[in-house]
Amino acid sequence: MTRFLKTMVVLVVVLMLAGLVQNAEAQCKYQHKEKIVIGFSQIGAESAWRAANTESIQAEAKNRAECFELKFSDAQQKQENQIKAIRSFIAQGVDVIAFSPVVESGWEPVLQEAKKAGIPVILSDRAVDVKDESLWVTFMGSDFVEEGRRTAQWLVDNYEKVKKADKKMDEVRIVELVGTVGSAPANDRFTGFRDVLAKYPNFKIIATQSADFTRAGGKQVMEAFLKAHGDKIDVVYGHNDDSALGAIEAIKEAGFKPGKDIIVVSIDAVRGAFEAMLAGELNCTVECSPLLGPQLFDAAEDLVQGKTLPKRIVTNEGVFPSEVAKDVLPTRKY
């Protein structure tokens, strides 16, 4: 290789490396002397939604590797594991703590410890129930009450259209697959759904039980509902898609047609829900986006820069009935 060619190769490599550095730096909002260390405690991996949420956070950490170091902890659906993780983050002196709380209550002591250590706390996806709201700086994620309302409103607006011809409208009997007991989305989706149904007395919830946001839980609870109520069930309301998909399995095994004999509505809008809608087995899913990674890391950078965040950051989301599933499915990222 000639000296000229060697020089050109070196120049190209230098330019490529410079481009990579610029691209990496472009992912950061500000210039940083040191990496921002963020400790994130995830609930676990109970659903496809949660897996997508984890992937979004970890992928964004890689995108911003020039300015962030992520310390990630999986709580495996146990609050005690999350509390241990938060205390570990405090001991390590991270710059920001973020977490999706398993349940709403029981956080006051450990959040007091974070505040005393001067570490700001971001709530991601789920809220906490504490008397002192200065223990956390912002809650980002969905409006779970509104999700419950949207699900109920779609149901009352469309039941006549989607029900079987021989089903009567004088009493619509609903069974409810509740999420993890004590969690913010379970509490709020429970409330929001009832806010709307209060105006429509012929829509009645005849059974409610926790399916813990899991497909296995949804199937198990639905089997019990079918054993107790049989063909008297008109509608299944799942607090998330995974529990609804489990219920669909139970409905089919019992000899009924989900989406026809029994209307099924749920929340999350994961790919599995759209596939079920294409199969005619799910009637509607209300969106709850898990893709909070970019939003989370933007907020963490703003905090380190001393900026004030809004106390509530709400995600923009939609409602997807089965008739749009074919067009929307190819665009879904989770």
Foldseek 3Di string as FASTA:
>chain_A
DDPVVVVVVVVVVVVVVVVVVVQLVVLDPDDDPAAAEEEEEEQAPQDPLSVLLVCLQVVSCVSNVVRYDYHYHYQPNDQVSVLVSLVVCLVVPGQEYEYAGSAADDCVPSLVSCVVSVHAYEYEAFHHDDPDLRSHQAYEFAQLLVQLQVQLVCCVVCVVPQEAPPDDQQAAEEEEAAADPRTRNRVNSVNSVVVNCVVPVRYYYPYYDYLNSALCSLLVVLLVVCVVQNLSHAEYEYQADSSQNSNLVNCVVVPHQALYSHAYEYEAPALVQLVCLLVNRYFKYWHTHSNCNSVVVVVSSCVVVVHRDPRYHHDDTGIDGSVCSVVCSVVDPD
